Amino acid sequence: MDRCEAGSRGRYRIRRGITLTIGLACALLLAAACSPQPEALTPLAPDAVILAFGDSLTAGTGAAPQSSYPSRLEALSGRRVINAGNPGERSRGGVERLPGLLDEHRPDLLILTHGGNDLLRRVDTAETRENLETMIGFARDRGIDVVLVAVPAPALLRLRSDPMYAKIAQRLRIPVEDGALAHVLSRDAMKADPIHPNGDGYRYVAERIHRLLVETGAL
């Protein structure tokens, strides 16, 4: 092979690589554009009520009560945030408990952070997903907007949000905070124990949820 032929083949490989890269980028952009986008949230009036529903991650286990994410979010948002966290609860318990709270408090927004105990106890994913979707349905049937907060799947190394949450959010077109808890629980400085944030961790979670509420039009 002479030098000219080798140079020509090299230039061809470079052009082909660039073409493939551009094609892949276009395909990813097209897929993102075609994915169902979350519906905009109804703006929250100054006297609106937010119901934060979940297990110990909502209750604020690992920190003082005033450091829980619902308390932090109340200060950030200027709206009343009711802490309806029940430590140790599985999603099937949430299905039983939520309707009464929705009828009692009549919130304008439900923040659902549930399923962590299911993941820890290896409950079948299909059951957990069905329970989460049932809870979302309870709120929507009452005209209440929903924000989903993803919980990380148990892992030996770096924690990542369980993909179940993103799939639910995409299918039902609701906003999801998909990384805050995984970020916090991957950092010793932000957690009180292996499965609960400390005060700094809950503050981070509240800030991320607040940002999502701003981005989706609720605030």
C-alpha atoms as a PDB file:
ATOM      1  CA  MET A   1       0.000   0.000   0.000  1.00  0.00           C
ATOM      2  CA  ASP A   2       1.491   3.400  -0.968  1.00  0.00           C
ATOM      3  CA  ARG A   3       1.328   6.565   1.141  1.00  0.00           C
ATOM      4  CA  CYS A   4      -1.486   8.158  -0.862  1.00  0.00           C
ATOM      5  CA  GLU A   5      -3.721   5.102  -0.522  1.00  0.00           C
ATOM      6  CA  ALA A   6      -3.073   4.880   3.230  1.00  0.00           C
ATOM      7  CA  GLY A   7      -3.894   8.564   3.642  1.00  0.00           C
ATOM      8  CA  SER A   8      -7.082   8.180   1.659  1.00  0.00           C
ATOM      9  CA  ARG A   9      -8.230   5.264   3.814  1.00  0.00           C
ATOM     10  CA  GLY A  10      -7.403   7.198   6.980  1.00  0.00           C
ATOM     11  CA  ARG A  11      -9.488  10.153   5.859  1.00  0.00           C
ATOM     12  CA  TYR A  12     -12.357   7.790   5.002  1.00  0.00           C
ATOM     13  CA  ARG A  13     -12.291   6.261   8.480  1.00  0.00           C
ATOM     14  CA  ILE A  14     -12.361   9.730  10.077  1.00  0.00           C
ATOM     15  CA  ARG A  15     -15.285  10.862   7.903  1.00  0.00           C
ATOM     16  CA  ARG A  16     -17.150   7.621   8.605  1.00  0.00           C
ATOM     17  CA  GLY A  17     -16.573   8.017  12.354  1.00  0.00           C
ATOM     18  CA  ILE A  18     -17.884  11.579  12.278  1.00  0.00           C
ATOM     19  CA  THR A  19     -20.938  10.486  10.278  1.00  0.00           C
ATOM     20  CA  LEU A  20     -21.712   7.686  12.758  1.00  0.00           C
ATOM     21  CA  THR A  21     -21.306  10.061  15.713  1.00  0.00           C
ATOM     22  CA  ILE A  22     -23.630  12.636  14.175  1.00  0.00           C
ATOM     23  CA  GLY A  23     -26.144   9.910  13.319  1.00  0.00           C
ATOM     24  CA  LEU A  24     -26.125   8.592  16.878  1.00  0.00           C
ATOM     25  CA  ALA A  25     -26.570  12.085  18.308  1.00  0.00           C
ATOM     26  CA  CYS A  26     -29.517  12.738  15.978  1.00  0.00           C
ATOM     27  CA  ALA A  27     -31.111   9.426  16.949  1.00  0.00           C
ATOM     28  CA  LEU A  28     -30.804  10.257  20.649  1.00  0.00           C
ATOM     29  CA  LEU A  29     -32.288  13.717  20.125  1.00  0.00           C
ATOM     30  CA  LEU A  30     -35.164  12.227  18.124  1.00  0.00           C
ATOM     31  CA  ALA A  31     -35.851   9.639  20.823  1.00  0.00           C
ATOM     32  CA  ALA A  32     -35.893  12.350  23.479  1.00  0.00           C
ATOM     33  CA  ALA A  33     -38.255  14.479  21.411  1.00  0.00           C
ATOM     34  CA  CYS A  34     -40.628  11.550  20.900  1.00  0.00           C
ATOM     35  CA  SER A  35     -40.667  10.531  24.584  1.00  0.00           C
ATOM     36  CA  PRO A  36     -43.798  11.595  26.449  1.00  0.00           C
ATOM     37  CA  GLN A  37     -43.090  14.776  28.420  1.00  0.00           C
ATOM     38  CA  PRO A  38     -44.494  15.367  31.908  1.00  0.00           C
ATOM     39  CA  GLU A  39     -47.615  17.467  32.109  1.00  0.00           C
ATOM     40  CA  ALA A  40     -47.110  20.942  33.584  1.00  0.00           C
ATOM     41  CA  LEU A  41     -48.102  21.264  37.209  1.00  0.00           C
ATOM     42  CA  THR A  42     -50.803  23.673  38.340  1.00  0.00           C
ATOM     43  CA  PRO A  43     -49.234  26.767  39.964  1.00  0.00           C
ATOM     44  CA  LEU A  44     -49.498  26.542  43.745  1.00  0.00           C
ATOM     45  CA  ALA A  45     -51.351  29.417  45.378  1.00  0.00           C
ATOM     46  CA  PRO A  46     -49.752  30.995  48.470  1.00  0.00           C
ATOM     47  CA  ASP A  47     -52.193  29.086  50.687  1.00  0.00           C
ATOM     48  CA  ALA A  48     -51.748  25.771  48.851  1.00  0.00           C
ATOM     49  CA  VAL A  49     -51.129  22.544  50.767  1.00  0.00           C
ATOM     50  CA  ILE A  50     -48.496  19.966  49.799  1.00  0.00           C
ATOM     51  CA  LEU A  51     -48.744  16.410  51.146  1.00  0.00           C
ATOM     52  CA  ALA A  52     -45.347  14.703  51.438  1.00  0.00           C
ATOM     53  CA  PHE A  53     -46.191  11.000  51.606  1.00  0.00           C
ATOM     54  CA  GLY A  54     -43.831   8.101  52.151  1.00  0.00           C
ATOM     55  CA  ASP A  55     -41.879   6.083  54.666  1.00  0.00           C
ATOM     56  CA  SER A  56     -38.899   6.966  56.885  1.00  0.00           C
ATOM     57  CA  LEU A  57     -37.255   8.990  54.111  1.00  0.00           C
ATOM     58  CA  THR A  58     -40.217  11.354  54.293  1.00  0.00           C
ATOM     59  CA  ALA A  59     -40.596  11.184  58.072  1.00  0.00           C
ATOM     60  CA  GLY A  60     -36.982  12.371  58.396  1.00  0.00           C
ATOM     61  CA  THR A  61     -35.423   9.427  60.221  1.00  0.00           C
ATOM     62  CA  GLY A  62     -31.772  10.231  60.882  1.00  0.00           C
ATOM     63  CA  ALA A  63     -32.265  13.940  61.572  1.00  0.00           C
ATOM     64  CA  ALA A  64     -34.185  16.306  63.836  1.00  0.00           C
ATOM     65  CA  PRO A  65     -37.844  16.861  62.860  1.00  0.00           C
ATOM     66  CA  GLN A  66     -37.161  20.389  61.641  1.00  0.00           C
ATOM     67  CA  SER A  67     -34.464  19.003  59.335  1.00  0.00           C
ATOM     68  CA  SER A  68     -36.698  16.557  57.442  1.00  0.00           C
ATOM     69  CA  TYR A  69     -37.113  17.268  53.744  1.00  0.00           C
ATOM     70  CA  PRO A  70     -40.808  18.289  54.142  1.00  0.00           C
ATOM     71  CA  SER A  71     -39.837  20.891  56.780  1.00  0.00           C
ATOM     72  CA  ARG A  72     -37.034  22.189  54.576  1.00  0.00           C
ATOM     73  CA  LEU A  73     -39.333  22.294  51.567  1.00  0.00           C
ATOM     74  CA  GLU A  74     -41.953  24.247  53.488  1.00  0.00           C
ATOM     75  CA  ALA A  75     -39.365  26.929  54.218  1.00  0.00           C
ATOM     76  CA  LEU A  76     -38.145  26.998  50.622  1.00  0.00           C
ATOM     77  CA  SER A  77     -41.560  27.017  48.961  1.00  0.00           C
ATOM     78  CA  GLY A  78     -43.533  29.227  51.336  1.00  0.00           C
ATOM     79  CA  ARG A  79     -46.352  26.651  51.207  1.00  0.00           C
ATOM     80  CA  ARG A  80     -47.636  24.406  53.942  1.00  0.00           C
ATOM     81  CA  VAL A  81     -46.073  20.954  53.656  1.00  0.00           C
ATOM     82  CA  ILE A  82     -47.628  18.124  55.653  1.00  0.00           C
ATOM     83  CA  ASN A  83     -45.196  15.386  56.655  1.00  0.00           C
ATOM     84  CA  ALA A  84     -47.033  12.080  56.181  1.00  0.00           C
ATOM     85  CA  GLY A  85     -44.029   9.791  56.487  1.00  0.00           C
ATOM     86  CA  ASN A  86     -44.495   6.407  58.189  1.00  0.00           C
ATOM     87  CA  PRO A  87     -41.166   4.655  58.936  1.00  0.00           C
ATOM     88  CA  GLY A  88     -40.984   1.018  57.866  1.00  0.00           C
ATOM     89  CA  GLU A  89     -44.054   1.160  55.657  1.00  0.00           C
ATOM     90  CA  ARG A  90     -44.147  -0.875  52.454  1.00  0.00           C
ATOM     91  CA  SER A  91     -45.976   0.275  49.369  1.00  0.00           C
ATOM     92  CA  ARG A  92     -48.998  -1.914  50.055  1.00  0.00           C
ATOM     93  CA  GLY A  93     -49.374  -0.094  53.381  1.00  0.00           C
ATOM     94  CA  GLY A  94     -49.183   3.192  51.519  1.00  0.00           C
ATOM     95  CA  VAL A  95     -52.066   2.100  49.293  1.00  0.00           C
ATOM     96  CA  GLU A  96     -54.169   1.521  52.406  1.00  0.00           C
ATOM     97  CA  ARG A  97     -53.155   4.748  54.183  1.00  0.00           C
ATOM     98  CA  LEU A  98     -53.097   7.377  51.424  1.00  0.00           C
ATOM     99  CA  PRO A  99     -56.808   7.770  50.515  1.00  0.00           C
ATOM    100  CA  GLY A 100     -57.775   8.836  54.016  1.00  0.00           C
ATOM    101  CA  LEU A 101     -55.026  11.460  54.132  1.00  0.00           C
ATOM    102  CA  LEU A 102     -55.977  12.849  50.732  1.00  0.00           C
ATOM    103  CA  ASP A 103     -59.583  13.211  51.851  1.00  0.00           C
ATOM    104  CA  GLU A 104     -58.587  14.707  55.207  1.00  0.00           C
ATOM    105  CA  HIS A 105     -56.067  17.293  54.005  1.00  0.00           C
ATOM    106  CA  ARG A 106     -57.264  17.878  50.421  1.00  0.00           C
ATOM    107  CA  PRO A 107     -53.765  18.822  49.226  1.00  0.00           C
ATOM    108  CA  ASP A 108     -53.018  20.649  46.003  1.00  0.00           C
ATOM    109  CA  LEU A 109     -49.913  18.539  45.384  1.00  0.00           C
ATOM    110  CA  LEU A 110     -48.762  15.063  46.427  1.00  0.00           C
ATOM    111  CA  ILE A 111     -45.038  14.338  46.672  1.00  0.00           C
ATOM    112  CA  LEU A 112     -44.720  10.552  46.645  1.00  0.00           C
ATOM    113  CA  THR A 113     -41.500   9.018  47.986  1.00  0.00           C
ATOM    114  CA  HIS A 114     -42.298   5.370  48.506  1.00  0.00           C
ATOM    115  CA  GLY A 115     -41.108   1.855  47.731  1.00  0.00           C
ATOM    116  CA  GLY A 116     -37.767   1.944  49.541  1.00  0.00           C
ATOM    117  CA  ASN A 117     -38.749  -0.756  52.019  1.00  0.00           C
ATOM    118  CA  ASP A 118     -40.028  -2.893  49.150  1.00  0.00           C
ATOM    119  CA  LEU A 119     -36.620  -2.632  47.502  1.00  0.00           C
ATOM    120  CA  LEU A 120     -34.797  -3.488  50.719  1.00  0.00           C
ATOM    121  CA  ARG A 121     -36.980  -6.554  51.263  1.00  0.00           C
ATOM    122  CA  ARG A 122     -36.846  -7.680  47.633  1.00  0.00           C
ATOM    123  CA  VAL A 123     -40.579  -7.337  47.064  1.00  0.00           C
ATOM    124  CA  ASP A 124     -41.518  -8.205  43.488  1.00  0.00           C
ATOM    125  CA  THR A 125     -40.996  -5.112  41.331  1.00  0.00           C
ATOM    126  CA  ALA A 126     -44.293  -5.597  39.526  1.00  0.00           C
ATOM    127  CA  GLU A 127     -46.143  -5.424  42.852  1.00  0.00           C
ATOM    128  CA  THR A 128     -44.321  -2.282  43.941  1.00  0.00           C
ATOM    129  CA  ARG A 129     -44.895  -0.613  40.589  1.00  0.00           C
ATOM    130  CA  GLU A 130     -48.597  -1.429  40.716  1.00  0.00           C
ATOM    131  CA  ASN A 131     -48.876  -0.019  44.237  1.00  0.00           C
ATOM    132  CA  LEU A 132     -47.093   3.199  43.288  1.00  0.00           C
ATOM    133  CA  GLU A 133     -49.310   3.647  40.248  1.00  0.00           C
ATOM    134  CA  THR A 134     -52.380   2.991  42.401  1.00  0.00           C
ATOM    135  CA  MET A 135     -51.329   5.747  44.810  1.00  0.00           C
ATOM    136  CA  ILE A 136     -50.745   8.123  41.914  1.00  0.00           C
ATOM    137  CA  GLY A 137     -54.201   7.232  40.631  1.00  0.00           C
ATOM    138  CA  PHE A 138     -55.775   8.023  44.016  1.00  0.00           C
ATOM    139  CA  ALA A 139     -54.396  11.564  43.789  1.00  0.00           C
ATOM    140  CA  ARG A 140     -55.216  12.141  40.147  1.00  0.00           C
ATOM    141  CA  ASP A 141     -58.796  10.931  40.602  1.00  0.00           C
ATOM    142  CA  ARG A 142     -59.159  13.763  43.129  1.00  0.00           C
ATOM    143  CA  GLY A 143     -57.604  16.357  40.822  1.00  0.00           C
ATOM    144  CA  ILE A 144     -54.331  16.446  42.773  1.00  0.00           C
ATOM    145  CA  ASP A 145     -51.017  16.867  40.960  1.00  0.00           C
ATOM    146  CA  VAL A 146     -48.257  14.349  41.730  1.00  0.00           C
ATOM    147  CA  VAL A 147     -44.474  14.520  41.865  1.00  0.00           C
ATOM    148  CA  LEU A 148     -42.595  11.233  42.203  1.00  0.00           C
ATOM    149  CA  VAL A 149     -39.274  10.962  44.055  1.00  0.00           C
ATOM    150  CA  ALA A 150     -37.082   8.023  43.054  1.00  0.00           C
ATOM    151  CA  VAL A 151     -35.475   5.773  45.653  1.00  0.00           C
ATOM    152  CA  PRO A 152     -32.139   4.070  44.932  1.00  0.00           C
ATOM    153  CA  ALA A 153     -31.946   0.342  44.445  1.00  0.00           C
ATOM    154  CA  PRO A 154     -29.710  -1.468  46.980  1.00  0.00           C
ATOM    155  CA  ALA A 155     -26.168  -1.854  45.639  1.00  0.00           C
ATOM    156  CA  LEU A 156     -22.697  -2.689  46.923  1.00  0.00           C
ATOM    157  CA  LEU A 157     -21.029   0.126  45.033  1.00  0.00           C
ATOM    158  CA  ARG A 158     -22.462   3.368  43.642  1.00  0.00           C
ATOM    159  CA  LEU A 159     -26.195   3.773  44.256  1.00  0.00           C
ATOM    160  CA  ARG A 160     -28.513   4.589  41.382  1.00  0.00           C
ATOM    161  CA  SER A 161     -32.219   5.333  41.350  1.00  0.00           C
ATOM    162  CA  ASP A 162     -34.259   2.235  40.632  1.00  0.00           C
ATOM    163  CA  PRO A 163     -35.321   2.522  36.957  1.00  0.00           C
ATOM    164  CA  MET A 164     -38.895   1.648  37.956  1.00  0.00           C
ATOM    165  CA  TYR A 165     -39.501   5.260  38.975  1.00  0.00           C
ATOM    166  CA  ALA A 166     -38.450   6.824  35.682  1.00  0.00           C
ATOM    167  CA  LYS A 167     -40.585   4.306  33.795  1.00  0.00           C
ATOM    168  CA  ILE A 168     -43.644   5.107  35.889  1.00  0.00           C
ATOM    169  CA  ALA A 169     -43.086   8.831  35.482  1.00  0.00           C
ATOM    170  CA  GLN A 170     -42.693   8.544  31.728  1.00  0.00           C
ATOM    171  CA  ARG A 171     -45.732   6.350  31.270  1.00  0.00           C
ATOM    172  CA  LEU A 172     -47.987   8.490  33.471  1.00  0.00           C
ATOM    173  CA  ARG A 173     -46.389  11.771  32.382  1.00  0.00           C
ATOM    174  CA  ILE A 174     -45.607  13.059  35.840  1.00  0.00           C
ATOM    175  CA  PRO A 175     -42.452  14.868  37.024  1.00  0.00           C
ATOM    176  CA  VAL A 176     -39.870  12.754  38.816  1.00  0.00           C
ATOM    177  CA  GLU A 177     -36.917  13.761  40.981  1.00  0.00           C
ATOM    178  CA  ASP A 178     -34.667  10.979  39.790  1.00  0.00           C
ATOM    179  CA  GLY A 179     -31.319  11.459  41.482  1.00  0.00           C
ATOM    180  CA  ALA A 180     -31.345  13.313  44.793  1.00  0.00           C
ATOM    181  CA  LEU A 181     -31.648  10.350  47.163  1.00  0.00           C
ATOM    182  CA  ALA A 182     -29.140   8.261  45.220  1.00  0.00           C
ATOM    183  CA  HIS A 183     -26.687  11.181  45.359  1.00  0.00           C
ATOM    184  CA  VAL A 184     -27.160  11.688  49.103  1.00  0.00           C
ATOM    185  CA  LEU A 185     -27.009   8.033  50.103  1.00  0.00           C
ATOM    186  CA  SER A 186     -23.795   7.550  48.115  1.00  0.00           C
ATOM    187  CA  ARG A 187     -21.984  10.075  50.336  1.00  0.00           C
ATOM    188  CA  ASP A 188     -21.043   9.389  53.954  1.00  0.00           C
ATOM    189  CA  ALA A 189     -21.066  13.104  54.809  1.00  0.00           C
ATOM    190  CA  MET A 190     -24.751  13.375  53.851  1.00  0.00           C
ATOM    191  CA  LYS A 191     -26.217  10.324  55.583  1.00  0.00           C
ATOM    192  CA  ALA A 192     -26.940   9.285  59.157  1.00  0.00           C
ATOM    193  CA  ASP A 193     -26.773   5.552  58.421  1.00  0.00           C
ATOM    194  CA  PRO A 194     -26.641   3.356  55.290  1.00  0.00           C
ATOM    195  CA  ILE A 195     -30.279   4.048  54.324  1.00  0.00           C
ATOM    196  CA  HIS A 196     -31.148   7.463  55.803  1.00  0.00           C
ATOM    197  CA  PRO A 197     -29.867  10.980  55.098  1.00  0.00           C
ATOM    198  CA  ASN A 198     -28.724  13.319  57.843  1.00  0.00           C
ATOM    199  CA  GLY A 199     -29.779  16.957  58.083  1.00  0.00           C
ATOM    200  CA  ASP A 200     -27.476  18.012  55.240  1.00  0.00           C
ATOM    201  CA  GLY A 201     -28.797  15.187  53.093  1.00  0.00           C
ATOM    202  CA  TYR A 202     -32.423  16.097  53.660  1.00  0.00           C
ATOM    203  CA  ARG A 203     -31.632  19.719  52.858  1.00  0.00           C
ATOM    204  CA  TYR A 204     -30.174  18.624  49.527  1.00  0.00           C
ATOM    205  CA  VAL A 205     -33.266  16.541  48.753  1.00  0.00           C
ATOM    206  CA  ALA A 206     -35.551  19.483  49.586  1.00  0.00           C
ATOM    207  CA  GLU A 207     -33.539  21.795  47.367  1.00  0.00           C
ATOM    208  CA  ARG A 208     -33.739  19.404  44.450  1.00  0.00           C
ATOM    209  CA  ILE A 209     -37.492  18.931  44.843  1.00  0.00           C
ATOM    210  CA  HIS A 210     -37.943  22.692  45.125  1.00  0.00           C
ATOM    211  CA  ARG A 211     -35.990  23.161  41.907  1.00  0.00           C
ATOM    212  CA  LEU A 212     -38.194  20.599  40.166  1.00  0.00           C
ATOM    213  CA  LEU A 213     -41.348  22.389  41.348  1.00  0.00           C
ATOM    214  CA  VAL A 214     -40.003  25.633  39.900  1.00  0.00           C
ATOM    215  CA  GLU A 215     -39.053  23.979  36.606  1.00  0.00           C
ATOM    216  CA  THR A 216     -42.472  22.324  36.221  1.00  0.00           C
ATOM    217  CA  GLY A 217     -44.468  25.467  36.945  1.00  0.00           C
ATOM    218  CA  ALA A 218     -45.774  24.683  40.435  1.00  0.00           C
ATOM    219  CA  LEU A 219     -43.735  27.505  41.977  1.00  0.00           C
END
